[in-house]
Amino acid sequence: MIQPDLHMYLVILPMIFLAGVLDSIAGGGGLISLPTYLLAGLPPHYALGTNKFSSAWGTLFATHNYWRNKMIDTRIALTSACGALLGSWLGTRTVLMIKPDFLNYLLVVLIPIIAVITLLNQNIGNVNTSFSVKLSSKYFLGLCAGLVIGFYDGFFGPGTGTFLILIFAVLLKYDFVIANGNTKVVNLSSNIAALLTFLIAGRVYFPIAIPAAIVGIMGNLIGSRFVVLRGNKLIKPIFIIALSLLMGKVIYNIVFPK
């Protein structure tokens, strides 16, 4: 039986706020929030369900903020969201047959390369040139992006939002602001689908989940507001921080395999 105390709230709530700020700007909030729930003593399944509850609410408010400020290409984002739902299901089915451990070693190589390319190429994510991509190609690439990242999310998981921002910026030529807004729509759809599963299974611990959702919403609102005010100048350095957190998570997985 979980017995929450003041120490548990003092550990969890500030970190969930920080995770909300990070996630709303460049993805990767789960790299902070999920370990926090586990560190505070929640059993793994309750940590996952509670994390989905707080992150889903935070993402909802961040998504609304981006949509209200016209920072989402709604048609492409919804197309990607549909692809992500299918991809996530396929990835979850696949992980039941094949262990994803090899991806840790692949990501150790890929993440530094992505970070260096992002830092050296000043054009990535700085200017929205998506108008140069034909609409039919946008739908196709958006669907493929959702499928691939959805599959990755279901198969492995860490850094899903961060990678999706990069795909929107590189392949569909959005700036980081629109890429981030589109990603929030995809994240919201997958979070809601996962949350419903955890709710049905009774794996959301509401005495923690509700206050965590409130501070997560605050973090997402503040982070997305910063993006509205500062735009791409803010996202790129935070994107590198998210990649660094992901790198730390991957190295941890290699050093301390489950």
Foldseek 3Di string as FASTA:
>chain_A
DDDDDPVLCVQQQVQLLVLLLLCLQARQSCLRRLVSNVVSPAPNLLSVLLVLLQQLLQLVLSLVLCVVVVLEPVVLLVLLLVLLVVLLVVLLVVCVPPPPLVVLVVLLVVLVVVLVCLVVDPQQQPAQPLVVPDPVVSSVLSSVLSNVLSSCCNNPNGPSLNVQLRSCRPVSVGHSRHSSSSSSSNVNSVSVVVNVVSVVVVSHDVVNSVSSNVSSNVSNVVNSVCCVVPNRVPRSVSSSVSSVSSNVVSVCCVVDPD
